[in-house]
C-alpha atoms as a PDB file:
ATOM      1  CA  MET A   1       0.000   0.000   0.000  1.00  0.00           C
ATOM      2  CA  GLU A   2       1.367   3.386  -0.930  1.00  0.00           C
ATOM      3  CA  ASP A   3      -0.309   6.667   0.108  1.00  0.00           C
ATOM      4  CA  GLY A   4      -3.667   4.941   0.565  1.00  0.00           C
ATOM      5  CA  VAL A   5      -3.463   3.193  -2.810  1.00  0.00           C
ATOM      6  CA  PHE A   6      -3.113  -0.568  -3.292  1.00  0.00           C
ATOM      7  CA  TRP A   7      -0.877  -1.449  -6.270  1.00  0.00           C
ATOM      8  CA  LEU A   8      -1.741  -4.643  -8.091  1.00  0.00           C
ATOM      9  CA  SER A   9       0.727  -6.456 -10.312  1.00  0.00           C
ATOM     10  CA  LEU A  10      -0.461  -9.499 -12.228  1.00  0.00           C
ATOM     11  CA  GLY A  11       0.931 -12.019 -14.643  1.00  0.00           C
ATOM     12  CA  LEU A  12      -0.685 -14.961 -16.384  1.00  0.00           C
ATOM     13  CA  LYS A  13       1.373 -17.851 -17.743  1.00  0.00           C
ATOM     14  CA  PRO A  14       1.765 -17.238 -21.476  1.00  0.00           C
ATOM     15  CA  GLU A  15       0.263 -20.612 -22.369  1.00  0.00           C
ATOM     16  CA  LEU A  16      -2.921 -19.639 -20.483  1.00  0.00           C
ATOM     17  CA  THR A  17      -3.514 -16.391 -22.362  1.00  0.00           C
ATOM     18  CA  GLY A  18      -6.213 -16.252 -25.010  1.00  0.00           C
ATOM     19  CA  LEU A  19      -8.332 -18.932 -23.323  1.00  0.00           C
ATOM     20  CA  GLY A  20     -10.971 -16.612 -21.857  1.00  0.00           C
ATOM     21  CA  LEU A  21      -9.581 -16.831 -18.312  1.00  0.00           C
ATOM     22  CA  GLY A  22      -8.634 -13.171 -17.921  1.00  0.00           C
ATOM     23  CA  GLU A  23     -11.763 -11.658 -16.403  1.00  0.00           C
ATOM     24  CA  GLU A  24     -12.126 -14.352 -13.761  1.00  0.00           C
ATOM     25  CA  PHE A  25      -8.374 -14.274 -12.991  1.00  0.00           C
ATOM     26  CA  VAL A  26      -8.280 -10.484 -12.494  1.00  0.00           C
ATOM     27  CA  SER A  27     -11.557 -10.420 -10.539  1.00  0.00           C
ATOM     28  CA  GLU A  28     -10.359 -13.182  -8.201  1.00  0.00           C
ATOM     29  CA  CYS A  29      -7.036 -11.396  -7.643  1.00  0.00           C
ATOM     30  CA  VAL A  30      -8.790  -8.119  -6.781  1.00  0.00           C
ATOM     31  CA  GLU A  31     -11.218  -9.907  -4.451  1.00  0.00           C
ATOM     32  CA  PHE A  32      -8.328 -11.701  -2.742  1.00  0.00           C
ATOM     33  CA  ALA A  33      -6.482  -8.411  -2.240  1.00  0.00           C
ATOM     34  CA  GLN A  34      -9.598  -6.738  -0.848  1.00  0.00           C
ATOM     35  CA  SER A  35     -10.243  -9.474   1.714  1.00  0.00           C
ATOM     36  CA  HIS A  36      -6.642 -10.422   2.567  1.00  0.00           C
ATOM     37  CA  TYR A  37      -5.381  -6.841   2.937  1.00  0.00           C
ATOM     38  CA  LYS A  38      -8.675  -5.545   4.339  1.00  0.00           C
ATOM     39  CA  LEU A  39      -9.022  -2.829   1.725  1.00  0.00           C
ATOM     40  CA  ASP A  40     -11.899  -0.583   2.614  1.00  0.00           C
ATOM     41  CA  LYS A  41     -12.152   2.406   0.326  1.00  0.00           C
ATOM     42  CA  GLN A  42      -8.597   2.365  -1.019  1.00  0.00           C
ATOM     43  CA  PRO A  43      -8.412   2.427  -4.808  1.00  0.00           C
ATOM     44  CA  VAL A  44      -6.610  -0.391  -6.591  1.00  0.00           C
ATOM     45  CA  TRP A  45      -4.086   0.764  -9.218  1.00  0.00           C
ATOM     46  CA  LEU A  46      -2.145  -1.058 -11.880  1.00  0.00           C
ATOM     47  CA  ASP A  47       0.020  -0.240 -14.876  1.00  0.00           C
ATOM     48  CA  VAL A  48      -0.415  -2.033 -18.196  1.00  0.00           C
ATOM     49  CA  ALA A  49       1.828  -1.682 -21.233  1.00  0.00           C
ATOM     50  CA  LEU A  50       0.046   0.239 -23.967  1.00  0.00           C
ATOM     51  CA  PHE A  51       0.884  -2.481 -26.493  1.00  0.00           C
ATOM     52  CA  ASN A  52      -0.851  -5.120 -24.321  1.00  0.00           C
ATOM     53  CA  GLN A  53      -4.313  -4.589 -25.764  1.00  0.00           C
ATOM     54  CA  ARG A  54      -5.698  -7.941 -24.575  1.00  0.00           C
ATOM     55  CA  ALA A  55      -4.873  -7.168 -20.947  1.00  0.00           C
ATOM     56  CA  LEU A  56      -6.195  -3.625 -21.301  1.00  0.00           C
ATOM     57  CA  LYS A  57      -9.509  -4.977 -22.591  1.00  0.00           C
ATOM     58  CA  VAL A  58      -9.788  -7.396 -19.649  1.00  0.00           C
ATOM     59  CA  TYR A  59      -8.982  -4.717 -17.067  1.00  0.00           C
ATOM     60  CA  LYS A  60     -11.646  -2.435 -18.508  1.00  0.00           C
ATOM     61  CA  LYS A  61     -14.206  -5.264 -18.441  1.00  0.00           C
ATOM     62  CA  VAL A  62     -13.671  -5.787 -14.705  1.00  0.00           C
ATOM     63  CA  GLY A  63     -14.048  -2.112 -13.848  1.00  0.00           C
ATOM     64  CA  PHE A  64     -10.623  -0.510 -14.193  1.00  0.00           C
ATOM     65  CA  ARG A  65     -10.357   2.817 -15.970  1.00  0.00           C
ATOM     66  CA  VAL A  66      -7.366   4.645 -17.424  1.00  0.00           C
ATOM     67  CA  PHE A  67      -6.431   7.850 -15.628  1.00  0.00           C
ATOM     68  CA  SER A  68      -2.904   8.604 -16.859  1.00  0.00           C
ATOM     69  CA  LYS A  69      -0.067   7.558 -19.124  1.00  0.00           C
ATOM     70  CA  VAL A  70       3.513   6.950 -17.925  1.00  0.00           C
ATOM     71  CA  ARG A  71       6.806   5.889 -19.515  1.00  0.00           C
ATOM     72  CA  LYS A  72       8.729   3.132 -17.791  1.00  0.00           C
ATOM     73  CA  HIS A  73      12.060   1.421 -18.335  1.00  0.00           C
ATOM     74  CA  THR A  74      11.588  -2.334 -18.488  1.00  0.00           C
ATOM     75  CA  ASN A  75      12.888  -5.352 -20.413  1.00  0.00           C
ATOM     76  CA  GLY A  76      15.806  -3.373 -21.811  1.00  0.00           C
ATOM     77  CA  GLY A  77      13.735  -0.543 -23.263  1.00  0.00           C
ATOM     78  CA  GLU A  78      11.400   2.307 -22.497  1.00  0.00           C
ATOM     79  CA  PHE A  79       7.679   1.758 -23.022  1.00  0.00           C
ATOM     80  CA  GLU A  80       4.444   3.650 -22.565  1.00  0.00           C
ATOM     81  CA  PHE A  81       2.097   2.323 -19.889  1.00  0.00           C
ATOM     82  CA  LEU A  82      -1.462   3.185 -18.996  1.00  0.00           C
ATOM     83  CA  ARG A  83      -2.109   3.708 -15.318  1.00  0.00           C
ATOM     84  CA  MET A  84      -5.499   2.342 -14.326  1.00  0.00           C
ATOM     85  CA  THR A  85      -7.646   2.474 -11.208  1.00  0.00           C
ATOM     86  CA  ARG A  86     -10.607   0.635  -9.818  1.00  0.00           C
ATOM     87  CA  GLU A  87     -12.426   2.416  -7.036  1.00  0.00           C
ATOM     88  CA  GLN A  88     -13.934   0.414  -4.176  1.00  0.00           C
END
């Protein structure tokens, strides 16, 4: 938790992508975080690479919305990420 915000970081095994598991996976992870960390009204934030359109679509379906764009250094390069939030 950072400044009243819970940061979520997710990863799905590559061989499990594209099988329609995304919405349930993300929803279950958020629900686990809410109950395990006793999140009350804290927003849940995550960053998703702009090129990762499948993940972006899933996050939007489960209630996340984009509120800013950031550049991050990762995997040997610099990429644009969308910062998303889901209010409780």
